[in-house]
Amino acid sequence: MTLLRTGPRGAELFRVTSGDATVTVHALDPEADADLLHRWVTRPTAVFWGMGHLSRDEVRDTYAFVETLPSHHAYLVRWNGEPVVLLQAYDPHEDPVSTAYDVRPGDIGLHFFLGERGPGGARLWRVLGPAMIGFLLSGADARRLVAEPDARNAAAVARVRAVGFEPGPRVRFDSAHGPKDAQLVFLTRERAEELAARAG
């Protein structure tokens, strides 16, 4: 089954160019990327990520553990070589979110953290969103993307809806960080392909 893509630490797994922007997706390197990740996830604005209390080494160890899980993967997304997003993808069958909705074959769960706005400015998300969707759906068995941002995180909900995700139910389940009140959103492969064709 080809659902989640992975590779050696730091390996480039995906590349797409849009105008003067090249977006690449790399397998996260828990050691080499630890300082960057710690800086991102401990900012006051990262409260919904739930890692603000962790030390640099604890952040590294968290992602080293994620690296051992066949059902969960973490990636670093770069814009013209500059790190901008921490992306996590997972098999919802192997995640607490499975208690909150009916998981379908080919579902891929995702979390993303916008760490930097980089040089992209106002067009950053208009390029990054479709690029990450293209990467996540590049596995032959991937059929639908499922995101579950914290329902209070209006910015994250707006970002995924802006790139075509459709709202599902608001749900509550026990996540790794405790009880979570989430807004489920979904994007099928067919809808993603239709939106990409329209964009041209």
C-alpha atoms as a PDB file:
ATOM      1  CA  MET A   1       0.000   0.000   0.000  1.00  0.00           C
ATOM      2  CA  THR A   2       1.387   3.398  -1.000  1.00  0.00           C
ATOM      3  CA  LEU A   3      -0.237   5.919   1.308  1.00  0.00           C
ATOM      4  CA  LEU A   4       2.430   7.944   3.123  1.00  0.00           C
ATOM      5  CA  ARG A   5       5.686   8.840   1.402  1.00  0.00           C
ATOM      6  CA  THR A   6       8.955   8.804   3.272  1.00  0.00           C
ATOM      7  CA  GLY A   7      12.707   8.541   2.796  1.00  0.00           C
ATOM      8  CA  PRO A   8      16.050   9.025   4.547  1.00  0.00           C
ATOM      9  CA  ARG A   9      16.413  11.986   6.901  1.00  0.00           C
ATOM     10  CA  GLY A  10      16.530  15.231   4.945  1.00  0.00           C
ATOM     11  CA  ALA A  11      15.758  13.565   1.598  1.00  0.00           C
ATOM     12  CA  GLU A  12      13.815  15.600  -0.941  1.00  0.00           C
ATOM     13  CA  LEU A  13      10.576  13.735  -1.626  1.00  0.00           C
ATOM     14  CA  PHE A  14       8.649  16.191  -3.793  1.00  0.00           C
ATOM     15  CA  ARG A  15       9.296  19.300  -5.886  1.00  0.00           C
ATOM     16  CA  VAL A  16       7.003  21.670  -7.753  1.00  0.00           C
ATOM     17  CA  THR A  17       7.672  25.065  -9.319  1.00  0.00           C
ATOM     18  CA  SER A  18       5.113  27.865  -9.629  1.00  0.00           C
ATOM     19  CA  GLY A  19       6.447  30.990 -11.281  1.00  0.00           C
ATOM     20  CA  ASP A  20       9.593  32.003  -9.417  1.00  0.00           C
ATOM     21  CA  ALA A  21       8.813  29.758  -6.428  1.00  0.00           C
ATOM     22  CA  THR A  22      10.081  26.208  -6.023  1.00  0.00           C
ATOM     23  CA  VAL A  23       8.435  24.299  -3.188  1.00  0.00           C
ATOM     24  CA  THR A  24      10.169  21.153  -1.962  1.00  0.00           C
ATOM     25  CA  VAL A  25       9.119  18.634   0.667  1.00  0.00           C
ATOM     26  CA  HIS A  26      11.806  16.867   2.678  1.00  0.00           C
ATOM     27  CA  ALA A  27      11.731  14.013   5.182  1.00  0.00           C
ATOM     28  CA  LEU A  28      12.216  15.668   8.545  1.00  0.00           C
ATOM     29  CA  ASP A  29      15.627  15.243  10.187  1.00  0.00           C
ATOM     30  CA  PRO A  30      14.894  15.314  13.943  1.00  0.00           C
ATOM     31  CA  GLU A  31      18.503  16.138  14.811  1.00  0.00           C
ATOM     32  CA  ALA A  32      19.455  18.607  12.086  1.00  0.00           C
ATOM     33  CA  ASP A  33      16.077  20.376  12.192  1.00  0.00           C
ATOM     34  CA  ALA A  34      15.703  20.448  15.992  1.00  0.00           C
ATOM     35  CA  ASP A  35      16.839  24.062  16.549  1.00  0.00           C
ATOM     36  CA  LEU A  36      14.497  25.361  13.842  1.00  0.00           C
ATOM     37  CA  LEU A  37      11.542  23.337  15.080  1.00  0.00           C
ATOM     38  CA  HIS A  38      12.098  24.330  18.692  1.00  0.00           C
ATOM     39  CA  ARG A  39      12.165  28.001  17.685  1.00  0.00           C
ATOM     40  CA  TRP A  40       8.916  27.601  15.780  1.00  0.00           C
ATOM     41  CA  VAL A  41       6.873  25.520  18.221  1.00  0.00           C
ATOM     42  CA  THR A  42       7.783  27.539  21.333  1.00  0.00           C
ATOM     43  CA  ARG A  43       6.571  30.875  19.987  1.00  0.00           C
ATOM     44  CA  PRO A  44       3.540  32.339  21.785  1.00  0.00           C
ATOM     45  CA  THR A  45       1.591  32.075  18.517  1.00  0.00           C
ATOM     46  CA  ALA A  46       2.162  28.292  18.444  1.00  0.00           C
ATOM     47  CA  VAL A  47      -0.148  27.599  21.374  1.00  0.00           C
ATOM     48  CA  PHE A  48      -2.399  25.254  19.345  1.00  0.00           C
ATOM     49  CA  TRP A  49       0.577  23.050  18.420  1.00  0.00           C
ATOM     50  CA  GLY A  50       0.867  22.007  22.083  1.00  0.00           C
ATOM     51  CA  MET A  51       4.690  21.853  22.311  1.00  0.00           C
ATOM     52  CA  GLY A  52       5.510  25.266  23.742  1.00  0.00           C
ATOM     53  CA  HIS A  53       6.706  23.814  27.060  1.00  0.00           C
ATOM     54  CA  LEU A  54       9.280  21.453  25.513  1.00  0.00           C
ATOM     55  CA  SER A  55      13.050  21.912  25.453  1.00  0.00           C
ATOM     56  CA  ARG A  56      15.055  21.670  22.246  1.00  0.00           C
ATOM     57  CA  ASP A  57      16.053  18.093  23.058  1.00  0.00           C
ATOM     58  CA  GLU A  58      12.480  17.130  23.907  1.00  0.00           C
ATOM     59  CA  VAL A  59      11.320  18.454  20.530  1.00  0.00           C
ATOM     60  CA  ARG A  60      14.090  16.455  18.850  1.00  0.00           C
ATOM     61  CA  ASP A  61      13.139  13.310  20.774  1.00  0.00           C
ATOM     62  CA  THR A  62       9.456  13.756  19.942  1.00  0.00           C
ATOM     63  CA  TYR A  63      10.164  13.766  16.217  1.00  0.00           C
ATOM     64  CA  ALA A  64      12.714  10.985  16.525  1.00  0.00           C
ATOM     65  CA  PHE A  65       9.883   8.915  18.011  1.00  0.00           C
ATOM     66  CA  VAL A  66       7.499   9.939  15.208  1.00  0.00           C
ATOM     67  CA  GLU A  67      10.174   8.763  12.778  1.00  0.00           C
ATOM     68  CA  THR A  68       9.862   5.217  14.171  1.00  0.00           C
ATOM     69  CA  LEU A  69       6.115   5.016  13.487  1.00  0.00           C
ATOM     70  CA  PRO A  70       5.100   3.497  10.139  1.00  0.00           C
ATOM     71  CA  SER A  71       1.727   5.229  10.433  1.00  0.00           C
ATOM     72  CA  HIS A  72       2.991   8.788  11.060  1.00  0.00           C
ATOM     73  CA  HIS A  73       5.533  10.911   9.169  1.00  0.00           C
ATOM     74  CA  ALA A  74       6.877  14.449   9.499  1.00  0.00           C
ATOM     75  CA  TYR A  75       8.204  16.671   6.743  1.00  0.00           C
ATOM     76  CA  LEU A  76       9.879  20.049   6.323  1.00  0.00           C
ATOM     77  CA  VAL A  77       8.512  22.144   3.464  1.00  0.00           C
ATOM     78  CA  ARG A  78      10.851  24.688   1.865  1.00  0.00           C
ATOM     79  CA  TRP A  79      10.171  27.685  -0.368  1.00  0.00           C
ATOM     80  CA  ASN A  80      13.173  28.313  -2.639  1.00  0.00           C
ATOM     81  CA  GLY A  81      15.258  26.432  -0.095  1.00  0.00           C
ATOM     82  CA  GLU A  82      13.980  28.306   2.957  1.00  0.00           C
ATOM     83  CA  PRO A  83      12.067  26.255   5.593  1.00  0.00           C
ATOM     84  CA  VAL A  84       8.506  27.532   5.918  1.00  0.00           C
ATOM     85  CA  VAL A  85       6.199  24.707   7.072  1.00  0.00           C
ATOM     86  CA  LEU A  86       6.297  21.689   9.364  1.00  0.00           C
ATOM     87  CA  LEU A  87       3.935  19.131   7.830  1.00  0.00           C
ATOM     88  CA  GLN A  88       2.778  15.943   9.501  1.00  0.00           C
ATOM     89  CA  ALA A  89       0.823  13.177   7.786  1.00  0.00           C
ATOM     90  CA  TYR A  90      -0.650  10.041   9.283  1.00  0.00           C
ATOM     91  CA  ASP A  91      -2.928   7.081   8.736  1.00  0.00           C
ATOM     92  CA  PRO A  92      -6.117   8.018  10.619  1.00  0.00           C
ATOM     93  CA  HIS A  93      -6.794   4.350  11.360  1.00  0.00           C
ATOM     94  CA  GLU A  94      -3.773   4.520  13.705  1.00  0.00           C
ATOM     95  CA  ASP A  95      -4.626   7.835  15.361  1.00  0.00           C
ATOM     96  CA  PRO A  96      -7.054   8.978  18.084  1.00  0.00           C
ATOM     97  CA  VAL A  97      -9.035  10.950  15.476  1.00  0.00           C
ATOM     98  CA  SER A  98     -10.415   7.592  14.312  1.00  0.00           C
ATOM     99  CA  THR A  99     -12.745   7.672  17.311  1.00  0.00           C
ATOM    100  CA  ALA A 100     -14.335  10.873  15.997  1.00  0.00           C
ATOM    101  CA  TYR A 101     -15.312   9.968  12.421  1.00  0.00           C
ATOM    102  CA  ASP A 102     -15.709   7.020  10.057  1.00  0.00           C
ATOM    103  CA  VAL A 103     -12.276   6.522   8.487  1.00  0.00           C
ATOM    104  CA  ARG A 104     -12.289   5.487   4.822  1.00  0.00           C
ATOM    105  CA  PRO A 105      -9.620   3.478   2.982  1.00  0.00           C
ATOM    106  CA  GLY A 106      -7.154   5.926   1.458  1.00  0.00           C
ATOM    107  CA  ASP A 107      -7.699   8.671   4.048  1.00  0.00           C
ATOM    108  CA  ILE A 108      -4.607  10.662   5.006  1.00  0.00           C
ATOM    109  CA  GLY A 109      -4.664  12.834   8.102  1.00  0.00           C
ATOM    110  CA  LEU A 110      -2.541  15.954   8.238  1.00  0.00           C
ATOM    111  CA  HIS A 111      -1.325  18.706  10.510  1.00  0.00           C
ATOM    112  CA  PHE A 112       0.676  21.701   9.361  1.00  0.00           C
ATOM    113  CA  PHE A 113       2.495  24.494  11.130  1.00  0.00           C
ATOM    114  CA  LEU A 114       3.323  27.664   9.206  1.00  0.00           C
ATOM    115  CA  GLY A 115       6.690  28.519  10.721  1.00  0.00           C
ATOM    116  CA  GLU A 116       7.784  31.324   8.397  1.00  0.00           C
ATOM    117  CA  ARG A 117       6.127  33.459   5.790  1.00  0.00           C
ATOM    118  CA  GLY A 118       9.388  33.517   3.858  1.00  0.00           C
ATOM    119  CA  PRO A 119       9.745  35.534   0.675  1.00  0.00           C
ATOM    120  CA  GLY A 120       6.355  34.462  -0.662  1.00  0.00           C
ATOM    121  CA  GLY A 121       4.415  37.290   0.959  1.00  0.00           C
ATOM    122  CA  ALA A 122       0.700  37.367   0.280  1.00  0.00           C
ATOM    123  CA  ARG A 123       0.897  34.561  -2.299  1.00  0.00           C
ATOM    124  CA  LEU A 124       2.670  32.145   0.057  1.00  0.00           C
ATOM    125  CA  TRP A 125      -0.352  30.037   1.014  1.00  0.00           C
ATOM    126  CA  ARG A 126      -1.820  30.133  -2.524  1.00  0.00           C
ATOM    127  CA  VAL A 127       1.305  28.268  -3.656  1.00  0.00           C
ATOM    128  CA  LEU A 128       2.079  26.209  -0.544  1.00  0.00           C
ATOM    129  CA  GLY A 129      -1.448  24.869  -0.083  1.00  0.00           C
ATOM    130  CA  PRO A 130      -1.741  23.223  -3.531  1.00  0.00           C
ATOM    131  CA  ALA A 131       1.888  22.045  -3.344  1.00  0.00           C
ATOM    132  CA  MET A 132       1.313  20.210  -0.056  1.00  0.00           C
ATOM    133  CA  ILE A 133      -1.959  18.760  -1.370  1.00  0.00           C
ATOM    134  CA  GLY A 134      -0.124  17.513  -4.461  1.00  0.00           C
ATOM    135  CA  PHE A 135       2.517  15.880  -2.301  1.00  0.00           C
ATOM    136  CA  LEU A 136       0.085  14.216   0.093  1.00  0.00           C
ATOM    137  CA  LEU A 137      -2.053  12.849  -2.741  1.00  0.00           C
ATOM    138  CA  SER A 138       0.934  11.606  -4.748  1.00  0.00           C
ATOM    139  CA  GLY A 139       0.770   8.176  -3.130  1.00  0.00           C
ATOM    140  CA  ALA A 140      -1.115   5.738  -5.353  1.00  0.00           C
ATOM    141  CA  ASP A 141      -3.543   4.724  -2.595  1.00  0.00           C
ATOM    142  CA  ALA A 142      -4.274   8.221  -1.257  1.00  0.00           C
ATOM    143  CA  ARG A 143      -7.928   9.096  -1.816  1.00  0.00           C
ATOM    144  CA  ARG A 144      -8.886  11.822   0.660  1.00  0.00           C
ATOM    145  CA  LEU A 145      -7.179  14.320   2.963  1.00  0.00           C
ATOM    146  CA  VAL A 146      -8.531  14.886   6.458  1.00  0.00           C
ATOM    147  CA  ALA A 147      -7.468  17.754   8.703  1.00  0.00           C
ATOM    148  CA  GLU A 148      -8.653  18.378  12.247  1.00  0.00           C
ATOM    149  CA  PRO A 149      -7.493  21.832  13.359  1.00  0.00           C
ATOM    150  CA  ASP A 150      -8.462  23.030  16.804  1.00  0.00           C
ATOM    151  CA  ALA A 151     -11.911  24.539  16.401  1.00  0.00           C
ATOM    152  CA  ARG A 152     -10.681  27.730  18.118  1.00  0.00           C
ATOM    153  CA  ASN A 153      -7.862  28.147  15.588  1.00  0.00           C
ATOM    154  CA  ALA A 154      -9.772  30.240  13.075  1.00  0.00           C
ATOM    155  CA  ALA A 155      -6.635  30.975  11.023  1.00  0.00           C
ATOM    156  CA  ALA A 156      -5.858  27.291  10.437  1.00  0.00           C
ATOM    157  CA  VAL A 157      -9.466  26.479   9.561  1.00  0.00           C
ATOM    158  CA  ALA A 158      -9.554  29.399   7.115  1.00  0.00           C
ATOM    159  CA  ARG A 159      -6.278  28.298   5.483  1.00  0.00           C
ATOM    160  CA  VAL A 160      -7.456  24.784   4.690  1.00  0.00           C
ATOM    161  CA  ARG A 161     -10.841  25.982   3.471  1.00  0.00           C
ATOM    162  CA  ALA A 162      -9.111  28.536   1.223  1.00  0.00           C
ATOM    163  CA  VAL A 163      -7.405  25.725  -0.705  1.00  0.00           C
ATOM    164  CA  GLY A 164     -10.554  23.676  -1.158  1.00  0.00           C
ATOM    165  CA  PHE A 165     -11.161  21.609   1.969  1.00  0.00           C
ATOM    166  CA  GLU A 166     -14.842  21.208   2.770  1.00  0.00           C
ATOM    167  CA  PRO A 167     -16.128  21.378   6.352  1.00  0.00           C
ATOM    168  CA  GLY A 168     -17.270  18.271   8.164  1.00  0.00           C
ATOM    169  CA  PRO A 169     -18.564  17.998  11.716  1.00  0.00           C
ATOM    170  CA  ARG A 170     -17.092  19.623  14.776  1.00  0.00           C
ATOM    171  CA  VAL A 171     -15.850  16.786  16.976  1.00  0.00           C
ATOM    172  CA  ARG A 172     -14.230  16.128  20.326  1.00  0.00           C
ATOM    173  CA  PHE A 173     -11.724  13.354  21.037  1.00  0.00           C
ATOM    174  CA  ASP A 174      -8.748  12.545  23.246  1.00  0.00           C
ATOM    175  CA  SER A 175      -5.582  13.569  21.392  1.00  0.00           C
ATOM    176  CA  ALA A 176      -1.965  13.019  22.432  1.00  0.00           C
ATOM    177  CA  HIS A 177      -2.118  16.437  24.141  1.00  0.00           C
ATOM    178  CA  GLY A 178      -5.417  15.838  25.920  1.00  0.00           C
ATOM    179  CA  PRO A 179      -9.060  16.459  24.961  1.00  0.00           C
ATOM    180  CA  LYS A 180      -9.379  18.243  21.627  1.00  0.00           C
ATOM    181  CA  ASP A 181     -12.311  20.174  20.191  1.00  0.00           C
ATOM    182  CA  ALA A 182     -11.660  20.018  16.439  1.00  0.00           C
ATOM    183  CA  GLN A 183     -13.210  21.112  13.183  1.00  0.00           C
ATOM    184  CA  LEU A 184     -12.957  18.274  10.681  1.00  0.00           C
ATOM    185  CA  VAL A 185     -12.346  19.269   7.050  1.00  0.00           C
ATOM    186  CA  PHE A 186     -12.023  17.000   4.013  1.00  0.00           C
ATOM    187  CA  LEU A 187     -10.569  17.160   0.511  1.00  0.00           C
ATOM    188  CA  THR A 188     -11.083  14.283  -1.912  1.00  0.00           C
ATOM    189  CA  ARG A 189      -8.617  13.474  -4.688  1.00  0.00           C
ATOM    190  CA  GLU A 190     -11.352  14.220  -7.240  1.00  0.00           C
ATOM    191  CA  ARG A 191     -12.047  17.676  -5.823  1.00  0.00           C
ATOM    192  CA  ALA A 192      -8.322  18.449  -5.578  1.00  0.00           C
ATOM    193  CA  GLU A 193      -7.844  17.482  -9.238  1.00  0.00           C
ATOM    194  CA  GLU A 194     -10.836  19.592 -10.267  1.00  0.00           C
ATOM    195  CA  LEU A 195      -9.515  22.636  -8.384  1.00  0.00           C
ATOM    196  CA  ALA A 196      -6.031  22.162  -9.872  1.00  0.00           C
ATOM    197  CA  ALA A 197      -7.505  21.988 -13.387  1.00  0.00           C
ATOM    198  CA  ARG A 198      -9.444  25.207 -12.810  1.00  0.00           C
ATOM    199  CA  ALA A 199      -6.314  26.959 -11.551  1.00  0.00           C
ATOM    200  CA  GLY A 200      -4.685  25.885 -14.693  1.00  0.00           C
END
